[in-house]
Protein backbone atom coordinates (compact mmCIF):
# COMPACT_ATOMS: atom_id res chain seq x y z
CA UNK A 1 22.30 26.78 -18.07
CA UNK A 2 22.34 25.17 -14.58
CA UNK A 3 18.95 24.23 -12.69
CA UNK A 4 18.58 25.99 -9.32
CA UNK A 5 15.54 23.98 -8.52
CA UNK A 6 13.88 21.08 -10.08
CA UNK A 7 10.53 19.08 -9.07
CA UNK A 8 10.15 15.51 -10.46
CA UNK A 9 6.87 13.80 -10.15
CA UNK A 10 5.81 15.79 -6.85
CA UNK A 11 2.51 14.44 -5.47
CA UNK A 12 1.04 15.49 -2.14
CA UNK A 13 -2.17 13.92 -0.44
CA UNK A 14 -3.99 15.43 2.56
CA UNK A 15 -4.79 12.56 4.74
CA UNK A 16 -7.60 14.39 6.58
CA UNK A 17 -10.55 14.63 6.92
CA UNK A 18 -10.74 12.41 3.73
CA UNK A 19 -7.92 11.56 1.41
CA UNK A 20 -7.45 14.44 -0.94
CA UNK A 21 -4.92 14.57 -3.99
CA UNK A 22 -3.90 18.16 -3.71
CA UNK A 23 -0.78 18.03 -5.86
CA UNK A 24 -0.85 16.10 -9.09
CA UNK A 25 2.53 14.99 -10.91
CA UNK A 26 4.37 18.28 -10.71
CA UNK A 27 7.41 18.62 -13.01
CA UNK A 28 9.42 22.06 -13.71
CA UNK A 29 12.74 23.47 -13.34
CA UNK A 30 14.13 26.94 -12.77
CA UNK A 31 17.44 27.87 -14.19
CA UNK A 32 19.97 30.25 -12.55
CA UNK A 33 19.13 34.08 -13.00
CA UNK A 34 15.28 32.98 -13.92
CA UNK A 35 12.40 35.01 -12.91
CA UNK A 36 9.12 32.86 -12.47
CA UNK A 37 5.77 33.47 -11.49
CA UNK A 38 3.05 30.97 -10.39
CA UNK A 39 -0.58 31.67 -11.05
CA UNK A 40 -3.68 30.01 -10.45
CA UNK A 41 -7.02 30.27 -8.46
CA UNK A 42 -7.15 30.28 -4.76
CA UNK A 43 -6.89 26.43 -3.71
CA UNK A 44 -5.22 25.29 -6.49
CA UNK A 45 -2.41 24.14 -4.62
CA UNK A 46 0.33 27.00 -5.27
CA UNK A 47 1.03 27.85 -1.59
CA UNK A 48 1.17 23.91 -0.82
CA UNK A 49 3.67 23.58 -3.80
CA UNK A 50 5.88 26.55 -2.35
CA UNK A 51 5.92 25.02 1.07
CA UNK A 52 7.40 21.85 -0.45
CA UNK A 53 9.78 23.50 -2.68
CA UNK A 54 10.98 25.64 0.15
CA UNK A 55 11.71 22.44 2.13
CA UNK A 56 9.16 23.35 4.94
CA UNK A 57 7.06 20.04 3.86
CA UNK A 58 8.61 17.00 3.50
CA UNK A 59 5.48 14.81 3.47
CA UNK A 60 5.22 14.31 -0.41
CA UNK A 61 6.07 11.89 -3.13
CA UNK A 62 8.39 12.51 -5.77
CA UNK A 63 11.96 14.30 -6.03
CA UNK A 64 13.04 17.76 -5.26
CA UNK A 65 16.54 18.99 -6.28
CA UNK A 66 18.49 22.11 -5.08
CA UNK A 67 21.49 23.21 -7.14
CA UNK A 68 21.31 19.75 -8.68
CA UNK A 69 21.39 17.83 -5.62
CA UNK A 70 18.71 15.76 -4.40
CA UNK A 71 17.26 16.93 -1.23
CA UNK A 72 14.23 14.62 -0.78
CA UNK A 73 14.32 12.50 2.58
CA UNK A 74 17.26 14.49 4.15
CA UNK A 75 16.68 15.16 7.86
CA UNK A 76 15.49 18.36 9.29
CA UNK A 77 18.51 19.69 10.65
CA UNK A 78 20.24 19.28 7.21
CA UNK A 79 17.07 20.84 5.67
CA UNK A 80 17.04 23.87 7.99
CA UNK A 81 20.50 24.67 7.25
CA UNK A 82 20.12 24.12 3.49
CA UNK A 83 17.13 26.49 3.46
CA UNK A 84 19.02 29.00 5.39
CA UNK A 85 21.91 28.98 3.07
CA UNK A 86 20.18 28.59 -0.11
CA UNK A 87 16.52 30.08 -0.05
CA UNK A 88 15.39 33.71 0.63
CA UNK A 89 11.88 33.96 1.44
CA UNK A 90 9.33 36.95 1.14
CA UNK A 91 5.89 36.77 2.04
CA UNK A 92 2.67 38.90 1.81
CA UNK A 93 3.52 40.09 5.54
CA UNK A 94 6.84 41.01 6.12
CA UNK A 95 7.38 39.41 9.64
CA UNK A 96 9.78 41.78 10.83
CA UNK A 97 10.64 42.25 14.44
CA UNK A 98 9.11 45.66 15.41
CA UNK A 99 11.36 46.49 18.38
CA UNK A 100 14.56 45.61 16.23
CA UNK A 101 16.05 48.23 14.00
CA UNK A 102 15.98 47.59 10.35
CA UNK A 103 19.62 46.49 10.44
CA UNK A 104 19.20 44.00 13.15
CA UNK A 105 16.23 42.45 11.22
CA UNK A 106 18.13 42.21 8.01
CA UNK A 107 21.11 40.58 10.02
CA UNK A 108 19.07 37.82 11.76
CA UNK A 109 19.20 35.10 9.12
CA UNK A 110 23.06 35.44 8.96
CA UNK A 111 23.53 35.45 12.65
CA UNK A 112 21.43 32.35 12.80
CA UNK A 113 23.75 30.79 10.14
CA UNK A 114 26.67 31.80 12.18
CA UNK A 115 29.31 31.49 9.30
CA UNK A 116 30.69 35.34 9.77
CA UNK A 117 31.71 37.63 12.34
CA UNK A 118 29.36 40.12 13.60
CA UNK A 119 31.07 42.78 11.82
CA UNK A 120 30.81 40.99 8.53
CA UNK A 121 27.51 40.37 8.92
CA UNK A 122 26.55 44.03 9.80
CA UNK A 123 28.52 44.90 6.74
CA UNK A 124 26.69 42.52 4.45
CA UNK A 125 23.52 43.71 5.81
CA UNK A 126 24.38 47.35 5.06
CA UNK A 127 25.22 46.39 1.50
CA UNK A 128 21.84 44.79 0.99
CA UNK A 129 20.04 47.85 2.33
CA UNK A 130 22.08 49.99 -0.31
CA UNK A 131 21.07 47.79 -2.97
CA UNK A 132 17.52 48.42 -2.21
CA UNK A 133 18.16 52.16 -1.52
CA UNK A 134 17.00 52.03 2.20
CA UNK A 135 20.49 52.42 3.96
CA UNK A 136 19.18 55.68 5.39
CA UNK A 137 16.75 53.65 7.45
CA UNK A 138 19.28 51.23 8.81
CA UNK A 139 18.91 52.44 12.35
CA UNK A 140 15.16 53.00 12.48
CA UNK A 141 13.00 50.82 14.40
CA UNK A 142 11.21 48.32 11.94
CA UNK A 143 7.99 49.56 13.46
CA UNK A 144 8.66 53.33 12.09
CA UNK A 145 8.98 52.76 8.54
CA UNK A 146 6.24 52.32 5.84
CA UNK A 147 4.55 49.57 4.48
CA UNK A 148 6.62 49.78 1.16
CA UNK A 149 9.62 50.14 3.08
CA UNK A 150 9.17 47.26 5.25
CA UNK A 151 8.78 45.03 2.46
CA UNK A 152 12.15 46.24 1.16
CA UNK A 153 13.63 45.34 4.43
CA UNK A 154 12.17 41.87 4.13
CA UNK A 155 13.80 41.54 0.64
CA UNK A 156 17.16 42.78 2.10
CA UNK A 157 16.61 40.07 4.94
CA UNK A 158 16.08 37.46 2.24
CA UNK A 159 19.26 38.43 0.50
CA UNK A 160 21.64 38.40 3.38
CA UNK A 161 22.93 34.84 3.10
CA UNK A 162 23.34 35.12 -0.67
CA UNK A 163 20.78 32.53 -1.61
CA UNK A 164 20.47 30.65 -4.91
CA UNK A 165 16.89 31.55 -5.16
CA UNK A 166 14.26 33.81 -3.58
CA UNK A 167 10.80 32.35 -3.10
CA UNK A 168 7.80 34.71 -2.67
CA UNK A 169 4.07 34.10 -1.39
CA UNK A 170 2.21 36.99 -2.68
CA UNK A 171 4.89 39.43 -1.68
CA UNK A 172 2.87 42.41 -3.32
CA UNK A 173 -0.50 41.27 -2.05
CA UNK A 174 -0.29 44.05 0.76
CA UNK A 175 1.03 46.87 -1.35
CA UNK A 176 -0.36 49.60 -3.49
CA UNK A 177 0.17 49.77 -7.14
CA UNK A 178 3.24 51.93 -6.79
CA UNK A 179 4.90 50.09 -4.12
CA UNK A 180 4.00 46.76 -6.16
CA UNK A 181 5.63 48.21 -8.95
CA UNK A 182 8.83 48.95 -6.99
CA UNK A 183 9.01 45.26 -5.62
CA UNK A 184 8.80 43.95 -9.07
CA UNK A 185 11.48 46.11 -10.14
CA UNK A 186 13.78 45.22 -7.48
CA UNK A 187 13.21 41.56 -8.12
CA UNK A 188 13.79 42.09 -11.98
CA UNK A 189 17.18 44.02 -11.15
CA UNK A 190 18.31 41.03 -8.84
CA UNK A 191 17.58 38.50 -11.70
CA UNK A 192 19.64 40.58 -14.23
CA UNK A 193 22.35 41.83 -12.20
CA UNK A 194 23.06 39.34 -9.56
CA UNK A 195 22.01 36.45 -11.66
CA UNK A 196 19.67 35.42 -8.95
CA UNK A 197 16.55 33.09 -9.66
CA UNK A 198 13.11 34.09 -8.28
CA UNK A 199 9.83 31.79 -7.83
CA UNK A 200 6.98 34.05 -6.85
CA UNK A 201 3.45 32.89 -6.10
CA UNK A 202 1.11 35.88 -7.17
CA UNK A 203 -2.52 36.76 -7.93
CA UNK A 204 -1.29 39.93 -9.66
CA UNK A 205 -1.45 39.43 -13.54
CA UNK A 206 0.39 42.57 -14.25
CA UNK A 207 3.20 41.31 -12.22
CA UNK A 208 3.26 37.89 -13.59
CA UNK A 209 3.12 39.10 -17.18
CA UNK A 210 6.23 40.89 -16.63
CA UNK A 211 8.32 37.73 -15.37
CA UNK A 212 10.25 35.55 -17.64
CA UNK A 213 7.63 32.74 -17.33
CA UNK A 214 4.62 32.02 -15.62
CA UNK A 215 3.45 28.53 -14.41
CA UNK A 216 -0.35 28.38 -14.43
CA UNK A 217 -1.94 25.89 -12.08
CA UNK A 218 -5.25 24.54 -11.82
CA UNK A 219 -6.45 21.75 -9.64
CA UNK A 220 -3.11 20.52 -8.24
CA UNK A 221 -1.87 20.36 -11.64
CA UNK A 222 0.38 22.49 -13.89
CA UNK A 223 -1.44 23.27 -17.05
CA UNK A 224 1.05 25.49 -18.80
């Protein structure tokens, strides 16, 4: 089974106000179609690690591979394109543009990538909304849909460029248990049916325990 993501000997230091070793020799891999969660107390380095894995932070030591290609030391333009093509993001807050329709929000990353025509992107976006059972919301403004629906829109947006991996930072952190379970079920379905890899930082033990594997972090290290 091929690796979608691999981290080798990742070390991260914060230089200010004093030198602090925040990530210590991180090594792991994510296989295609694998659904992995990262757990650990606040301040253990989970979000810092996710920031590096998502190519947003390039100030680290070690090597990062995406689809078996080394992406460490690539320039910011290269990384920006790589990110847009290969990584979908779902955060605790949905970051939808309130005045745009649901459909327009989902189309945005594909328009930025500019690989397809407007019509093709629109068609793709409707397909993604269908997968998430919210196609009926396509022409509503983002400000008019509920919290749980907003998070589904954010997932549809993360899927629009058919990424290799979805990365989430507390994607159920703002949701009640019913909507949190819905989001988990959507992720599970994507992993099983679309063979999509998922890497989700979470505090929610119920969520993590249902994923394929938990990476447990403590004081900047992976302990399990």
